[in-house]
Amino acid sequence: MSLYSLHITLRAQEDINRFLDYVPQDYWEPAERFIDSLLERAEKLARFPHMGPPDADLPGVRALVFGRFKVFYTVNEPTRAVVILRFRDTHQDLPTWEDLSG
């Protein structure tokens, strides 16, 4: 099985940074390990792009849950690319199309 390219949008990167902004200093190391694990899981999408099921509310978007985060992404078959749109805390409201594309 060949790899797809993996792209993480600026919005998804900002989601991770926003999460880390709220982590108390005493919990920084475990939080970094969690983010590393989250990114490793996201990297698996390059090998298994259809691992996450289609999101029922957002046509064309797939979602994968990891811990308290839901990874929203698309798969572009012609270019063989996986684009991670957002990393959302499952305690937050689900994203809309505007949240994913803006």
N, C-alpha and C. Protein backbone atom coordinates (compact mmCIF):
# COMPACT_ATOMS: atom_id res chain seq x y z
N MET A 1 0.85 -1.18 0.00
CA MET A 1 0.00 0.00 0.00
C MET A 1 0.89 1.24 0.00
N SER A 2 0.65 2.14 -0.95
CA SER A 2 1.48 3.33 -1.02
C SER A 2 0.95 4.43 -0.11
N LEU A 3 1.84 5.33 0.23
CA LEU A 3 1.49 6.41 1.14
C LEU A 3 0.80 7.56 0.42
N TYR A 4 -0.08 8.19 1.13
CA TYR A 4 -0.67 9.45 0.70
C TYR A 4 0.17 10.55 1.34
N SER A 5 0.16 11.72 0.74
CA SER A 5 0.81 12.85 1.41
C SER A 5 -0.11 13.33 2.53
N LEU A 6 0.48 13.88 3.56
CA LEU A 6 -0.28 14.35 4.72
C LEU A 6 -0.04 15.83 4.91
N HIS A 7 -1.12 16.59 5.01
CA HIS A 7 -1.05 18.03 5.21
C HIS A 7 -1.88 18.40 6.43
N ILE A 8 -1.32 19.22 7.29
CA ILE A 8 -2.03 19.71 8.47
C ILE A 8 -2.26 21.20 8.27
N THR A 9 -3.52 21.60 8.25
CA THR A 9 -3.84 23.00 8.00
C THR A 9 -3.39 23.88 9.17
N LEU A 10 -3.29 25.15 8.89
CA LEU A 10 -2.95 26.12 9.92
C LEU A 10 -3.98 26.09 11.04
N ARG A 11 -5.26 25.95 10.70
CA ARG A 11 -6.31 25.89 11.73
C ARG A 11 -6.09 24.70 12.65
N ALA A 12 -5.69 23.55 12.10
CA ALA A 12 -5.44 22.36 12.92
C ALA A 12 -4.22 22.60 13.82
N GLN A 13 -3.19 23.23 13.30
CA GLN A 13 -2.01 23.55 14.12
C GLN A 13 -2.40 24.51 15.25
N GLU A 14 -3.25 25.47 14.94
CA GLU A 14 -3.72 26.41 15.96
C GLU A 14 -4.53 25.69 17.05
N ASP A 15 -5.28 24.66 16.66
CA ASP A 15 -6.04 23.88 17.65
C ASP A 15 -5.10 23.26 18.67
N ILE A 16 -3.99 22.71 18.21
CA ILE A 16 -3.02 22.10 19.11
C ILE A 16 -2.39 23.16 20.01
N ASN A 17 -2.01 24.27 19.43
CA ASN A 17 -1.40 25.35 20.22
C ASN A 17 -2.37 25.89 21.27
N ARG A 18 -3.64 26.00 20.91
CA ARG A 18 -4.66 26.50 21.84
C ARG A 18 -4.81 25.52 23.01
N PHE A 19 -4.79 24.23 22.72
CA PHE A 19 -4.86 23.22 23.78
C PHE A 19 -3.67 23.37 24.73
N LEU A 20 -2.48 23.51 24.17
CA LEU A 20 -1.27 23.62 25.01
C LEU A 20 -1.26 24.91 25.82
N ASP A 21 -1.90 25.96 25.31
CA ASP A 21 -1.97 27.22 26.06
C ASP A 21 -2.68 27.07 27.39
N TYR A 22 -3.59 26.10 27.48
CA TYR A 22 -4.38 25.92 28.70
C TYR A 22 -3.82 24.87 29.65
N VAL A 23 -2.68 24.28 29.29
CA VAL A 23 -2.10 23.23 30.13
C VAL A 23 -1.25 23.88 31.23
N PRO A 24 -1.52 23.57 32.50
CA PRO A 24 -0.69 24.09 33.58
C PRO A 24 0.75 23.56 33.44
N GLN A 25 1.68 24.34 33.89
CA GLN A 25 3.10 23.99 33.76
C GLN A 25 3.41 22.61 34.34
N ASP A 26 2.77 22.24 35.44
CA ASP A 26 3.02 20.94 36.06
C ASP A 26 2.61 19.77 35.16
N TYR A 27 1.75 20.01 34.19
CA TYR A 27 1.25 18.95 33.32
C TYR A 27 1.79 19.07 31.89
N TRP A 28 2.78 19.92 31.70
CA TRP A 28 3.30 20.18 30.36
C TRP A 28 3.86 18.92 29.71
N GLU A 29 4.66 18.15 30.45
CA GLU A 29 5.28 16.96 29.88
C GLU A 29 4.24 15.92 29.44
N PRO A 30 3.26 15.57 30.28
CA PRO A 30 2.24 14.62 29.81
C PRO A 30 1.43 15.18 28.63
N ALA A 31 1.19 16.47 28.63
CA ALA A 31 0.44 17.08 27.53
C ALA A 31 1.23 16.97 26.23
N GLU A 32 2.53 17.20 26.29
CA GLU A 32 3.36 17.06 25.09
C GLU A 32 3.37 15.61 24.59
N ARG A 33 3.43 14.66 25.51
CA ARG A 33 3.38 13.25 25.11
C ARG A 33 2.04 12.92 24.44
N PHE A 34 0.97 13.48 25.00
CA PHE A 34 -0.35 13.25 24.40
C PHE A 34 -0.39 13.83 22.98
N ILE A 35 0.09 15.04 22.80
CA ILE A 35 0.09 15.66 21.47
C ILE A 35 0.97 14.86 20.52
N ASP A 36 2.12 14.39 20.98
CA ASP A 36 2.97 13.54 20.14
C ASP A 36 2.21 12.30 19.69
N SER A 37 1.48 11.68 20.61
CA SER A 37 0.69 10.49 20.28
C SER A 37 -0.43 10.84 19.29
N LEU A 38 -1.05 11.98 19.49
CA LEU A 38 -2.11 12.43 18.58
C LEU A 38 -1.55 12.62 17.17
N LEU A 39 -0.39 13.24 17.07
CA LEU A 39 0.21 13.47 15.75
C LEU A 39 0.68 12.16 15.11
N GLU A 40 1.19 11.24 15.92
CA GLU A 40 1.56 9.92 15.38
C GLU A 40 0.33 9.22 14.81
N ARG A 41 -0.77 9.30 15.52
CA ARG A 41 -2.01 8.69 15.03
C ARG A 41 -2.44 9.37 13.74
N ALA A 42 -2.32 10.68 13.68
CA ALA A 42 -2.69 11.41 12.47
C ALA A 42 -1.80 11.00 11.30
N GLU A 43 -0.52 10.76 11.57
CA GLU A 43 0.40 10.35 10.51
C GLU A 43 0.03 8.99 9.92
N LYS A 44 -0.64 8.16 10.68
CA LYS A 44 -1.09 6.86 10.17
C LYS A 44 -2.11 7.02 9.04
N LEU A 45 -2.75 8.18 9.00
CA LEU A 45 -3.72 8.43 7.94
C LEU A 45 -3.06 8.45 6.56
N ALA A 46 -1.77 8.74 6.50
CA ALA A 46 -1.06 8.71 5.22
C ALA A 46 -1.01 7.28 4.66
N ARG A 47 -1.01 6.32 5.54
CA ARG A 47 -0.98 4.91 5.12
C ARG A 47 -2.39 4.31 5.04
N PHE A 48 -3.26 4.76 5.92
CA PHE A 48 -4.63 4.23 5.98
C PHE A 48 -5.63 5.40 5.95
N PRO A 49 -5.78 6.06 4.82
CA PRO A 49 -6.59 7.29 4.77
C PRO A 49 -8.07 7.10 5.05
N HIS A 50 -8.57 5.89 4.92
CA HIS A 50 -9.99 5.66 5.16
C HIS A 50 -10.25 5.04 6.53
N MET A 51 -9.26 5.17 7.41
CA MET A 51 -9.36 4.62 8.76
C MET A 51 -10.52 5.23 9.53
N GLY A 52 -10.71 6.53 9.40
CA GLY A 52 -11.82 7.20 10.08
C GLY A 52 -13.07 7.15 9.22
N PRO A 53 -14.22 6.94 9.83
CA PRO A 53 -15.47 6.88 9.05
C PRO A 53 -15.89 8.26 8.55
N PRO A 54 -16.69 8.30 7.51
CA PRO A 54 -17.23 9.59 7.06
C PRO A 54 -18.05 10.22 8.18
N ASP A 55 -17.94 11.54 8.31
CA ASP A 55 -18.71 12.27 9.31
C ASP A 55 -20.13 12.46 8.77
N ALA A 56 -21.11 12.07 9.55
CA ALA A 56 -22.50 12.11 9.11
C ALA A 56 -23.00 13.52 8.84
N ASP A 57 -22.43 14.52 9.54
CA ASP A 57 -22.91 15.89 9.41
C ASP A 57 -22.13 16.74 8.42
N LEU A 58 -20.97 16.26 8.00
CA LEU A 58 -20.11 17.04 7.12
C LEU A 58 -19.71 16.20 5.91
N PRO A 59 -20.47 16.28 4.82
CA PRO A 59 -20.18 15.46 3.64
C PRO A 59 -18.76 15.70 3.13
N GLY A 60 -18.08 14.62 2.81
CA GLY A 60 -16.72 14.70 2.28
C GLY A 60 -15.65 14.75 3.35
N VAL A 61 -16.08 14.81 4.61
CA VAL A 61 -15.14 14.89 5.73
C VAL A 61 -15.19 13.59 6.50
N ARG A 62 -14.04 13.14 6.93
CA ARG A 62 -13.93 11.95 7.77
C ARG A 62 -13.51 12.41 9.16
N ALA A 63 -13.78 11.57 10.16
CA ALA A 63 -13.44 11.94 11.54
C ALA A 63 -12.87 10.72 12.26
N LEU A 64 -11.88 10.97 13.08
CA LEU A 64 -11.23 9.92 13.84
C LEU A 64 -11.06 10.42 15.27
N VAL A 65 -11.50 9.63 16.24
CA VAL A 65 -11.40 10.03 17.64
C VAL A 65 -10.12 9.47 18.24
N PHE A 66 -9.41 10.32 18.96
CA PHE A 66 -8.22 9.90 19.69
C PHE A 66 -8.25 10.61 21.04
N GLY A 67 -8.44 9.83 22.09
CA GLY A 67 -8.55 10.43 23.42
C GLY A 67 -9.71 11.40 23.44
N ARG A 68 -9.45 12.62 23.85
CA ARG A 68 -10.52 13.62 23.92
C ARG A 68 -10.59 14.47 22.66
N PHE A 69 -9.81 14.11 21.64
CA PHE A 69 -9.81 14.88 20.40
C PHE A 69 -10.46 14.11 19.26
N LYS A 70 -11.09 14.86 18.40
CA LYS A 70 -11.63 14.32 17.16
C LYS A 70 -10.86 14.99 16.03
N VAL A 71 -10.30 14.18 15.15
CA VAL A 71 -9.52 14.67 14.01
C VAL A 71 -10.45 14.69 12.81
N PHE A 72 -10.65 15.88 12.23
CA PHE A 72 -11.47 16.03 11.04
C PHE A 72 -10.55 16.17 9.84
N TYR A 73 -10.78 15.36 8.81
CA TYR A 73 -9.88 15.39 7.66
C TYR A 73 -10.60 15.00 6.38
N THR A 74 -9.96 15.31 5.28
CA THR A 74 -10.47 14.92 3.97
C THR A 74 -9.43 14.06 3.27
N VAL A 75 -9.90 13.28 2.33
CA VAL A 75 -9.03 12.45 1.50
C VAL A 75 -9.27 12.87 0.05
N ASN A 76 -8.19 13.29 -0.61
CA ASN A 76 -8.26 13.66 -2.02
C ASN A 76 -7.64 12.53 -2.81
N GLU A 77 -8.48 11.70 -3.40
CA GLU A 77 -7.98 10.52 -4.13
C GLU A 77 -7.14 10.88 -5.35
N PRO A 78 -7.56 11.86 -6.20
CA PRO A 78 -6.75 12.15 -7.38
C PRO A 78 -5.31 12.59 -7.05
N THR A 79 -5.15 13.34 -5.96
CA THR A 79 -3.80 13.80 -5.61
C THR A 79 -3.16 12.92 -4.53
N ARG A 80 -3.92 11.93 -4.04
CA ARG A 80 -3.45 11.03 -2.99
C ARG A 80 -2.94 11.82 -1.79
N ALA A 81 -3.82 12.69 -1.31
CA ALA A 81 -3.47 13.56 -0.18
C ALA A 81 -4.53 13.46 0.92
N VAL A 82 -4.05 13.48 2.15
CA VAL A 82 -4.91 13.57 3.33
C VAL A 82 -4.68 14.96 3.92
N VAL A 83 -5.76 15.69 4.14
CA VAL A 83 -5.66 17.03 4.69
C VAL A 83 -6.38 17.05 6.04
N ILE A 84 -5.61 17.28 7.09
CA ILE A 84 -6.22 17.39 8.42
C ILE A 84 -6.72 18.83 8.57
N LEU A 85 -8.03 18.94 8.76
CA LEU A 85 -8.68 20.25 8.82
C LEU A 85 -8.68 20.81 10.23
N ARG A 86 -9.01 19.98 11.21
CA ARG A 86 -9.11 20.45 12.60
C ARG A 86 -8.81 19.31 13.55
N PHE A 87 -8.29 19.68 14.72
CA PHE A 87 -8.21 18.81 15.89
C PHE A 87 -9.15 19.45 16.90
N ARG A 88 -10.28 18.82 17.17
CA ARG A 88 -11.25 19.44 18.07
C ARG A 88 -11.41 18.62 19.33
N ASP A 89 -11.44 19.31 20.45
CA ASP A 89 -11.72 18.68 21.73
C ASP A 89 -13.16 18.18 21.68
N THR A 90 -13.38 16.95 22.08
CA THR A 90 -14.74 16.39 22.00
C THR A 90 -15.71 17.09 22.93
N HIS A 91 -15.21 17.90 23.86
CA HIS A 91 -16.09 18.66 24.75
C HIS A 91 -16.54 19.97 24.12
N GLN A 92 -15.98 20.32 22.97
CA GLN A 92 -16.37 21.53 22.27
C GLN A 92 -17.52 21.21 21.32
N ASP A 93 -18.18 22.26 20.85
CA ASP A 93 -19.20 22.07 19.83
C ASP A 93 -18.55 21.50 18.58
N LEU A 94 -19.31 20.70 17.85
CA LEU A 94 -18.79 20.15 16.61
C LEU A 94 -18.61 21.26 15.59
N PRO A 95 -17.61 21.13 14.73
CA PRO A 95 -17.36 22.20 13.76
C PRO A 95 -18.41 22.22 12.66
N THR A 96 -18.55 23.38 12.06
CA THR A 96 -19.40 23.56 10.88
C THR A 96 -18.46 23.65 9.68
N TRP A 97 -19.04 23.76 8.49
CA TRP A 97 -18.21 23.93 7.30
C TRP A 97 -17.33 25.17 7.42
N GLU A 98 -17.90 26.23 8.00
CA GLU A 98 -17.13 27.46 8.16
C GLU A 98 -15.93 27.24 9.09
N ASP A 99 -16.11 26.45 10.14
CA ASP A 99 -15.01 26.14 11.06
C ASP A 99 -13.91 25.36 10.36
N LEU A 100 -14.28 24.53 9.41
CA LEU A 100 -13.30 23.68 8.75
C LEU A 100 -12.57 24.40 7.63
N SER A 101 -13.24 25.32 6.98
CA SER A 101 -12.63 25.95 5.81
C SER A 101 -12.08 27.34 6.07
N GLY A 102 -12.45 27.94 7.19
CA GLY A 102 -12.07 29.33 7.44
C GLY A 102 -10.74 29.58 7.94
